[in-house]
N, C-alpha and C. Protein backbone atom coordinates (compact mmCIF):
# COMPACT_ATOMS: atom_id res chain seq x y z
N MET A 1 0.88 -1.19 0.03
CA MET A 1 -0.05 -0.04 -0.04
C MET A 1 0.89 1.31 0.06
N LYS A 2 1.94 1.24 0.83
CA LYS A 2 2.84 2.29 0.83
C LYS A 2 3.38 2.62 -0.59
N SER A 3 3.76 1.51 -1.24
CA SER A 3 4.44 1.82 -2.59
C SER A 3 3.45 2.40 -3.51
N LYS A 4 2.14 2.04 -3.43
CA LYS A 4 1.20 2.57 -4.41
C LYS A 4 1.05 4.09 -4.13
N ILE A 5 0.98 4.47 -2.81
CA ILE A 5 0.92 5.92 -2.48
C ILE A 5 2.08 6.61 -3.06
N PHE A 6 3.34 6.04 -2.77
CA PHE A 6 4.54 6.67 -3.35
C PHE A 6 4.36 6.80 -4.88
N MET A 7 3.86 5.81 -5.50
CA MET A 7 3.93 5.79 -6.95
C MET A 7 2.80 6.89 -7.43
N TYR A 8 1.68 6.94 -6.73
CA TYR A 8 0.74 8.01 -7.11
C TYR A 8 1.24 9.43 -6.77
N LEU A 9 2.09 9.54 -5.72
CA LEU A 9 2.60 10.82 -5.32
C LEU A 9 3.69 11.21 -6.50
N PHE A 10 4.43 10.07 -6.89
CA PHE A 10 5.54 10.36 -7.93
C PHE A 10 4.78 10.79 -9.34
N PHE A 11 3.71 10.25 -9.66
CA PHE A 11 3.00 10.58 -10.87
C PHE A 11 2.38 11.92 -10.86
N PHE A 12 1.75 12.13 -9.58
CA PHE A 12 1.28 13.54 -9.37
C PHE A 12 2.37 14.55 -9.38
N ALA A 13 3.58 14.37 -8.86
CA ALA A 13 4.66 15.22 -8.84
C ALA A 13 5.11 15.53 -10.38
N ILE A 14 5.22 14.35 -11.11
CA ILE A 14 5.58 14.47 -12.55
C ILE A 14 4.50 15.45 -13.25
N LEU A 15 3.19 15.03 -13.06
CA LEU A 15 2.23 15.87 -13.77
C LEU A 15 2.28 17.35 -13.40
N LEU A 16 2.64 17.63 -12.06
CA LEU A 16 2.68 18.97 -11.62
C LEU A 16 3.96 19.59 -12.32
N ILE A 17 5.01 18.94 -12.23
CA ILE A 17 6.15 19.43 -13.05
C ILE A 17 5.96 19.73 -14.45
N VAL A 18 5.34 18.79 -15.10
CA VAL A 18 5.11 19.03 -16.53
C VAL A 18 4.13 20.30 -16.80
N PHE A 19 2.97 20.28 -15.99
CA PHE A 19 2.13 21.49 -15.95
C PHE A 19 2.97 22.77 -15.78
N GLN A 20 3.74 22.83 -14.69
CA GLN A 20 4.55 24.01 -14.45
C GLN A 20 5.45 24.45 -15.57
N TYR A 21 6.13 23.30 -16.11
CA TYR A 21 6.97 23.62 -17.36
C TYR A 21 6.24 24.16 -18.48
N MET A 22 5.09 23.58 -18.81
CA MET A 22 4.31 24.16 -19.94
C MET A 22 3.78 25.58 -19.68
N ASN A 23 3.41 25.77 -18.50
CA ASN A 23 2.86 27.04 -18.10
C ASN A 23 3.96 28.11 -18.20
N GLN A 24 5.08 27.81 -17.62
CA GLN A 24 6.25 28.80 -17.61
C GLN A 24 6.82 29.03 -19.09
N LYS A 25 6.67 27.89 -19.94
CA LYS A 25 7.14 28.04 -21.33
C LYS A 25 6.22 28.99 -22.07
N SER A 26 4.94 28.85 -21.84
CA SER A 26 3.95 29.75 -22.57
C SER A 26 4.19 31.28 -22.13
N ILE A 27 4.37 31.39 -20.73
CA ILE A 27 4.57 32.72 -20.25
C ILE A 27 5.86 33.33 -20.83
N PHE A 28 6.95 32.48 -20.85
CA PHE A 28 8.19 32.94 -21.46
C PHE A 28 7.99 33.42 -22.94
N GLU A 29 7.35 32.54 -23.75
CA GLU A 29 7.12 32.84 -25.19
C GLU A 29 6.30 34.08 -25.31
N SER A 30 5.29 34.24 -24.45
CA SER A 30 4.39 35.50 -24.47
C SER A 30 5.35 36.77 -24.21
N GLN A 31 6.25 36.62 -23.12
CA GLN A 31 7.08 37.75 -22.78
C GLN A 31 8.06 38.03 -23.85
N GLU A 32 8.53 37.13 -24.50
CA GLU A 32 9.57 37.12 -25.56
C GLU A 32 8.98 37.90 -26.71
N LYS A 33 7.60 37.48 -27.13
CA LYS A 33 6.98 38.31 -28.17
C LYS A 33 6.83 39.71 -27.82
N THR A 34 6.33 39.99 -26.61
CA THR A 34 6.20 41.35 -26.09
C THR A 34 7.51 42.23 -26.17
N ILE A 35 8.55 41.57 -25.71
CA ILE A 35 9.82 42.16 -25.72
C ILE A 35 10.21 42.47 -27.13
N ASN A 36 10.09 41.59 -28.08
CA ASN A 36 10.47 41.76 -29.46
C ASN A 36 9.57 42.93 -30.17
N SER A 37 8.30 42.93 -29.80
CA SER A 37 7.52 43.94 -30.44
C SER A 37 7.90 45.27 -29.83
N ILE A 38 8.09 45.39 -28.57
CA ILE A 38 8.51 46.62 -28.03
C ILE A 38 9.93 47.18 -28.60
N THR A 39 10.88 46.11 -28.73
CA THR A 39 12.15 46.50 -29.35
C THR A 39 12.06 47.03 -30.71
N GLU A 40 11.14 46.33 -31.50
CA GLU A 40 10.91 46.78 -32.97
C GLU A 40 10.26 48.21 -32.87
N SER A 41 9.31 48.49 -32.10
CA SER A 41 8.65 49.76 -31.88
C SER A 41 9.68 50.75 -31.43
N LEU A 42 10.53 50.52 -30.58
CA LEU A 42 11.54 51.38 -30.02
C LEU A 42 12.58 51.74 -31.22
N GLN A 43 12.90 50.60 -31.95
CA GLN A 43 13.85 50.99 -33.08
C GLN A 43 13.16 51.90 -34.14
N GLN A 44 11.87 51.66 -34.43
CA GLN A 44 11.25 52.56 -35.40
C GLN A 44 11.16 54.09 -34.81
N ARG A 45 10.98 54.10 -33.53
CA ARG A 45 10.82 55.53 -32.96
C ARG A 45 12.29 56.13 -33.04
N ASN A 46 13.27 55.33 -32.66
CA ASN A 46 14.58 55.83 -32.74
C ASN A 46 15.02 56.33 -34.15
N ASP A 47 14.61 55.56 -35.25
CA ASP A 47 14.76 55.87 -36.52
C ASP A 47 14.08 57.19 -36.92
N SER A 48 12.80 57.34 -36.36
CA SER A 48 12.08 58.60 -36.67
C SER A 48 12.74 59.66 -36.01
N ILE A 49 13.33 59.57 -34.75
CA ILE A 49 13.91 60.61 -34.02
C ILE A 49 15.13 61.01 -34.67
N ASP A 50 16.06 60.00 -35.35
CA ASP A 50 17.14 60.30 -36.00
C ASP A 50 16.90 61.14 -37.39
N SER A 51 15.81 60.73 -38.05
CA SER A 51 15.36 61.50 -39.22
C SER A 51 14.95 62.89 -38.91
N LEU A 52 14.33 63.11 -37.73
CA LEU A 52 13.91 64.43 -37.27
C LEU A 52 14.98 65.29 -37.01
N HIS A 53 16.14 64.64 -36.37
CA HIS A 53 17.31 65.34 -36.05
C HIS A 53 17.99 65.91 -37.38
N GLU A 54 17.98 64.98 -38.31
CA GLU A 54 18.60 65.41 -39.71
C GLU A 54 17.84 66.47 -40.09
N GLU A 55 16.47 66.46 -40.16
CA GLU A 55 15.68 67.52 -40.73
C GLU A 55 15.86 68.75 -40.00
N VAL A 56 15.87 68.76 -38.68
CA VAL A 56 16.19 69.97 -37.87
C VAL A 56 17.62 70.51 -38.19
N ALA A 57 18.63 69.80 -38.45
CA ALA A 57 19.83 70.16 -38.71
C ALA A 57 19.85 70.88 -40.05
N ASP A 58 19.12 70.37 -41.02
CA ASP A 58 19.00 70.89 -42.36
C ASP A 58 18.19 72.24 -42.30
N LEU A 59 17.14 72.38 -41.35
CA LEU A 59 16.49 73.72 -41.24
C LEU A 59 17.39 74.61 -40.48
N ARG A 60 18.20 74.24 -39.64
CA ARG A 60 19.04 75.22 -38.93
C ARG A 60 20.31 75.55 -39.76
N TYR A 61 20.51 75.10 -40.82
CA TYR A 61 21.61 75.37 -41.63
C TYR A 61 21.70 76.87 -41.91
N PHE A 62 20.57 77.43 -42.49
CA PHE A 62 20.56 78.83 -42.60
C PHE A 62 19.88 79.54 -41.38
N SER A 63 20.69 79.70 -40.45
CA SER A 63 20.29 80.40 -39.23
C SER A 63 21.59 80.94 -38.54
N LEU A 64 21.27 81.94 -37.72
CA LEU A 64 22.42 82.54 -37.20
C LEU A 64 23.06 81.58 -36.07
N GLN A 65 22.17 80.91 -35.25
CA GLN A 65 22.66 79.93 -34.33
C GLN A 65 23.32 78.62 -34.92
N GLY A 66 22.91 78.42 -36.05
CA GLY A 66 23.42 77.11 -36.73
C GLY A 66 24.56 77.31 -37.61
N ASN A 67 25.13 78.51 -37.58
CA ASN A 67 26.16 78.92 -38.69
C ASN A 67 27.41 79.32 -37.77
N ASP A 68 28.30 78.44 -37.64
CA ASP A 68 29.52 78.70 -36.91
C ASP A 68 30.37 79.94 -37.51
N ASN A 69 30.39 80.13 -38.72
CA ASN A 69 31.20 81.28 -39.30
C ASN A 69 30.40 82.53 -38.87
N ALA A 70 29.16 82.59 -38.97
CA ALA A 70 28.40 83.78 -38.52
C ALA A 70 28.66 84.11 -37.10
N MET A 71 28.50 83.03 -36.22
CA MET A 71 28.84 83.19 -34.82
C MET A 71 30.15 83.70 -34.48
N THR A 72 31.06 83.26 -35.22
CA THR A 72 32.61 83.54 -35.06
C THR A 72 32.74 85.03 -35.49
N TYR A 73 32.14 85.42 -36.50
CA TYR A 73 32.08 86.88 -36.95
C TYR A 73 31.54 87.78 -35.82
N LEU A 74 30.47 87.49 -35.24
CA LEU A 74 29.97 88.37 -34.08
C LEU A 74 30.86 88.29 -32.90
N GLU A 75 31.41 87.06 -32.59
CA GLU A 75 32.19 86.95 -31.42
C GLU A 75 33.54 87.85 -31.56
N ASN A 76 34.02 87.90 -32.75
CA ASN A 76 35.09 88.76 -33.10
C ASN A 76 34.81 90.16 -32.88
N LEU A 77 33.47 90.59 -32.91
CA LEU A 77 33.12 91.97 -32.72
C LEU A 77 32.90 92.17 -31.27
N GLY A 78 32.93 91.07 -30.54
CA GLY A 78 32.60 91.10 -29.03
C GLY A 78 31.17 90.95 -28.68
N LEU A 79 30.37 90.40 -29.59
CA LEU A 79 28.98 90.12 -29.44
C LEU A 79 28.68 88.70 -29.28
N ASP A 80 27.50 88.45 -28.65
CA ASP A 80 27.08 87.02 -28.38
C ASP A 80 25.83 86.90 -29.37
N ALA A 81 25.88 85.82 -30.16
CA ALA A 81 24.86 85.63 -31.23
C ALA A 81 23.45 85.50 -30.67
N ALA A 82 23.22 85.04 -29.55
CA ALA A 82 21.96 85.00 -28.92
C ALA A 82 21.47 86.36 -28.54
N GLU A 83 22.35 87.16 -27.93
CA GLU A 83 22.00 88.53 -27.51
C GLU A 83 21.79 89.43 -28.72
N VAL A 84 22.54 89.18 -29.81
CA VAL A 84 22.34 89.97 -30.97
C VAL A 84 20.95 89.56 -31.59
N GLU A 85 20.49 88.30 -31.59
CA GLU A 85 19.26 87.91 -32.14
C GLU A 85 18.15 88.55 -31.30
N ASN A 86 18.27 88.61 -29.95
CA ASN A 86 17.19 89.11 -29.08
C ASN A 86 17.13 90.60 -29.21
N SER A 87 18.18 91.26 -29.29
CA SER A 87 18.23 92.86 -29.36
C SER A 87 17.66 93.28 -30.66
N ILE A 88 18.12 92.62 -31.77
CA ILE A 88 17.56 93.11 -33.07
C ILE A 88 16.01 92.67 -33.17
N THR A 89 15.74 91.52 -32.69
CA THR A 89 14.29 91.20 -32.75
C THR A 89 13.46 92.16 -32.02
N GLU A 90 13.85 92.55 -30.82
CA GLU A 90 13.17 93.65 -30.07
C GLU A 90 13.13 94.82 -30.82
N ALA A 91 14.21 95.31 -31.46
CA ALA A 91 14.34 96.53 -32.10
C ALA A 91 13.33 96.52 -33.27
N ILE A 92 13.33 95.57 -34.07
CA ILE A 92 12.34 95.40 -35.15
C ILE A 92 10.89 95.33 -34.81
N TYR A 93 10.68 94.57 -33.72
CA TYR A 93 9.20 94.52 -33.24
C TYR A 93 8.77 95.87 -32.72
N GLU A 94 9.78 96.66 -31.89
CA GLU A 94 9.34 97.85 -31.31
C GLU A 94 8.82 98.84 -32.40
N LYS A 95 9.54 98.79 -33.63
CA LYS A 95 9.16 99.69 -34.71
C LYS A 95 7.63 99.29 -35.20
N ASN A 96 7.04 98.22 -34.82
CA ASN A 96 5.62 97.99 -35.09
C ASN A 96 4.78 98.98 -34.24
N LEU A 97 5.36 99.42 -33.14
CA LEU A 97 4.37 100.27 -32.38
C LEU A 97 4.42 101.67 -32.80
N ILE A 98 5.21 102.12 -33.78
CA ILE A 98 5.24 103.54 -34.19
C ILE A 98 3.97 103.69 -35.11
N LYS A 99 3.26 104.91 -34.76
CA LYS A 99 2.09 105.23 -35.41
C LYS A 99 2.46 105.44 -36.97
N GLY A 100 1.60 104.96 -37.74
CA GLY A 100 1.75 105.01 -39.23
C GLY A 100 2.36 103.80 -39.92
N GLY A 101 2.66 102.82 -38.98
CA GLY A 101 3.24 101.57 -39.56
C GLY A 101 4.77 101.47 -39.38
N ASN A 102 5.27 100.35 -39.53
CA ASN A 102 6.74 100.10 -39.20
C ASN A 102 7.44 100.87 -40.31
N PRO A 103 8.40 101.74 -40.02
CA PRO A 103 9.20 102.53 -40.94
C PRO A 103 10.16 101.59 -41.79
N LEU A 104 10.49 100.34 -41.32
CA LEU A 104 11.38 99.44 -42.01
C LEU A 104 10.50 98.99 -43.36
N ILE A 105 9.30 98.87 -43.24
CA ILE A 105 8.55 98.27 -44.40
C ILE A 105 8.34 99.21 -45.47
N PRO A 106 8.76 98.92 -46.69
CA PRO A 106 8.65 99.90 -47.77
C PRO A 106 7.31 99.89 -48.50
N LEU A 107 6.42 99.03 -48.05
CA LEU A 107 5.13 98.86 -48.66
C LEU A 107 4.14 99.37 -47.86
N GLU A 108 3.12 100.01 -48.51
CA GLU A 108 1.90 100.61 -47.87
C GLU A 108 0.92 99.41 -47.63
N GLY A 109 0.26 99.43 -46.46
CA GLY A 109 -0.83 98.49 -46.26
C GLY A 109 -2.02 98.91 -46.88
N MET A 110 -2.82 97.84 -47.37
CA MET A 110 -4.02 98.19 -48.10
C MET A 110 -5.23 98.06 -47.20
N ASP A 111 -5.14 97.31 -46.15
CA ASP A 111 -6.25 97.23 -45.16
C ASP A 111 -5.80 97.60 -43.67
N GLY A 112 -4.88 98.53 -43.64
CA GLY A 112 -4.30 98.93 -42.26
C GLY A 112 -2.76 99.05 -42.48
N GLU A 113 -2.22 99.26 -41.30
CA GLU A 113 -0.79 99.50 -41.34
C GLU A 113 -0.01 98.22 -41.47
N MET A 114 1.06 98.16 -42.16
CA MET A 114 1.90 96.99 -42.33
C MET A 114 2.77 96.82 -41.07
N ARG A 115 2.87 95.59 -40.67
CA ARG A 115 3.56 95.27 -39.45
C ARG A 115 4.51 93.97 -39.63
N VAL A 116 5.48 93.91 -38.85
CA VAL A 116 6.42 92.76 -38.96
C VAL A 116 5.57 91.57 -38.21
N ASN A 117 5.37 90.52 -38.77
CA ASN A 117 4.77 89.30 -38.09
C ASN A 117 5.68 88.41 -37.60
N LYS A 118 6.69 87.98 -38.33
CA LYS A 118 7.65 87.03 -37.98
C LYS A 118 9.03 87.27 -38.59
N LEU A 119 10.13 86.86 -37.98
CA LEU A 119 11.43 87.02 -38.56
C LEU A 119 12.36 85.83 -38.37
N LYS A 120 13.26 85.60 -39.22
CA LYS A 120 14.21 84.53 -39.11
C LYS A 120 15.51 85.02 -39.59
N PHE A 121 16.49 84.84 -38.67
CA PHE A 121 17.90 85.17 -38.85
C PHE A 121 18.50 84.18 -39.82
N LEU A 122 19.05 84.66 -40.93
CA LEU A 122 19.65 83.64 -41.89
C LEU A 122 21.05 83.57 -41.62
N ASN A 123 21.79 84.73 -41.29
CA ASN A 123 23.17 84.48 -40.85
C ASN A 123 23.52 85.86 -40.18
N HIS A 124 24.77 86.27 -40.14
CA HIS A 124 25.23 87.36 -39.48
C HIS A 124 24.96 88.60 -40.20
N ARG A 125 24.27 88.64 -41.27
CA ARG A 125 24.00 89.85 -42.10
C ARG A 125 22.59 89.98 -42.45
N TRP A 126 21.70 88.96 -42.75
CA TRP A 126 20.42 89.06 -43.36
C TRP A 126 19.31 88.40 -42.46
N ILE A 127 18.18 89.01 -42.44
CA ILE A 127 17.06 88.57 -41.74
C ILE A 127 15.82 88.42 -42.83
N GLN A 128 15.25 87.34 -42.66
CA GLN A 128 14.01 87.22 -43.53
C GLN A 128 12.73 87.53 -42.66
N VAL A 129 11.96 88.48 -43.13
CA VAL A 129 10.86 89.00 -42.35
C VAL A 129 9.42 88.78 -42.97
N GLU A 130 8.54 88.33 -42.22
CA GLU A 130 7.19 88.24 -42.69
C GLU A 130 6.53 89.45 -42.37
N ILE A 131 5.78 90.07 -43.32
CA ILE A 131 4.97 91.37 -43.12
C ILE A 131 3.45 91.12 -43.41
N THR A 132 2.72 91.85 -42.68
CA THR A 132 1.21 91.85 -43.08
C THR A 132 0.44 93.03 -42.53
N ASP A 133 -0.60 93.28 -43.14
CA ASP A 133 -1.57 94.37 -42.70
C ASP A 133 -2.85 93.79 -42.23
N GLY A 134 -2.87 92.52 -42.03
CA GLY A 134 -4.03 91.79 -41.47
C GLY A 134 -4.71 90.93 -42.63
N SER A 135 -4.69 91.55 -43.82
CA SER A 135 -5.34 90.92 -45.00
C SER A 135 -4.19 90.41 -46.00
N TYR A 136 -3.32 91.28 -46.28
CA TYR A 136 -2.22 91.05 -47.20
C TYR A 136 -1.06 90.70 -46.48
N TRP A 137 -0.27 89.70 -47.14
CA TRP A 137 1.00 89.23 -46.63
C TRP A 137 2.13 89.37 -47.56
N GLY A 138 3.32 89.49 -47.00
CA GLY A 138 4.44 89.69 -47.79
C GLY A 138 5.71 89.21 -46.97
N GLU A 139 6.86 89.28 -47.64
CA GLU A 139 8.10 89.10 -47.05
C GLU A 139 9.11 90.14 -47.46
N MET A 140 10.13 90.30 -46.72
CA MET A 140 11.34 91.11 -47.09
C MET A 140 12.51 90.58 -46.51
N ILE A 141 13.67 91.06 -47.18
CA ILE A 141 15.08 90.77 -46.53
C ILE A 141 15.60 92.03 -46.02
N ILE A 142 16.04 91.88 -44.84
CA ILE A 142 16.73 93.02 -44.12
C ILE A 142 18.18 92.80 -43.83
N GLU A 143 19.04 93.67 -44.23
CA GLU A 143 20.51 93.59 -43.98
C GLU A 143 20.68 94.31 -42.57
N TYR A 144 21.35 93.55 -41.73
CA TYR A 144 21.76 94.41 -40.43
C TYR A 144 23.25 94.35 -40.36
N PHE A 145 23.79 95.44 -39.72
CA PHE A 145 25.21 95.66 -39.66
C PHE A 145 25.48 96.50 -38.39
N TYR A 146 26.63 96.15 -37.75
CA TYR A 146 27.05 97.00 -36.75
C TYR A 146 28.18 97.83 -37.23
N ASN A 147 28.00 99.11 -37.18
CA ASN A 147 29.11 100.17 -37.59
C ASN A 147 30.19 100.21 -36.71
N ASP A 148 31.18 101.09 -36.94
CA ASP A 148 32.32 101.25 -36.16
C ASP A 148 32.13 101.58 -34.57
N GLN A 149 30.98 102.32 -34.49
CA GLN A 149 30.60 102.80 -33.06
C GLN A 149 29.65 101.74 -32.53
N MET A 150 29.48 100.55 -33.09
CA MET A 150 28.74 99.40 -32.77
C MET A 150 27.23 99.80 -32.56
N GLU A 151 26.79 100.66 -33.53
CA GLU A 151 25.40 101.05 -33.61
C GLU A 151 24.81 100.04 -34.70
N LEU A 152 23.60 99.70 -34.41
CA LEU A 152 22.89 98.85 -35.37
C LEU A 152 22.31 99.57 -36.61
N GLU A 153 22.73 99.03 -37.76
CA GLU A 153 22.05 99.70 -39.04
C GLU A 153 21.15 98.60 -39.71
N LEU A 154 19.94 98.99 -39.97
CA LEU A 154 19.04 98.06 -40.64
C LEU A 154 18.74 98.65 -42.01
N THR A 155 18.93 97.70 -43.06
CA THR A 155 18.71 98.21 -44.44
C THR A 155 17.78 97.13 -45.09
N VAL A 156 16.64 97.68 -45.60
CA VAL A 156 15.86 96.71 -46.38
C VAL A 156 16.38 96.48 -47.73
N ILE A 157 16.67 95.25 -48.05
CA ILE A 157 17.29 94.92 -49.38
C ILE A 157 16.14 94.72 -50.44
N SER A 158 15.13 93.97 -50.10
CA SER A 158 14.10 93.71 -51.14
C SER A 158 12.82 93.32 -50.35
N SER A 159 11.77 93.50 -50.91
CA SER A 159 10.51 93.11 -50.31
C SER A 159 9.49 92.65 -51.48
N VAL A 160 8.53 91.93 -50.99
CA VAL A 160 7.49 91.38 -52.02
C VAL A 160 6.19 91.28 -51.19
N LEU A 161 5.05 91.55 -51.98
CA LEU A 161 3.76 91.55 -51.30
C LEU A 161 3.00 90.50 -52.17
N TYR A 162 2.39 89.42 -51.54
CA TYR A 162 1.70 88.46 -52.28
C TYR A 162 0.36 88.88 -52.63
N PRO A 163 -0.03 88.54 -53.91
CA PRO A 163 -1.51 88.75 -54.30
C PRO A 163 -2.45 88.03 -53.41
N LYS A 164 -3.56 88.62 -53.31
CA LYS A 164 -4.63 88.11 -52.44
C LYS A 164 -5.34 87.05 -53.30
């Protein structure tokens, strides 16, 4: 009788071990699939991030902060590129407050006074500016320069107004 009990316990233990093995194997396979899918997803996102970094680098190519030669030029004058951008941006936007429209804009507004809407520094010399009177839009290129007295000079090189 004792031997039959041990035999039944032995078979029960074998069945329990086989059940545990199969259960753990299925859990392991499920986790492996999850890890693989997450790894693939992470790789796709990393590829997307890399392509976005490349795109941002291309977009920054024509900018003051992205141009080492332009920043070196300003540093040789004793100026910081970020401070130059901020001070010139403020100077241009302050001209929007002048009664009669911004004096930098050589175009007359058709539905109001022309104002500077946005600007982008292209390098240590030029700024691309978007202008508007609320209905009509245009762009212009401004040349900026610091003279011998370190005074800022702004000169409009060209402007265009888009047809409505």
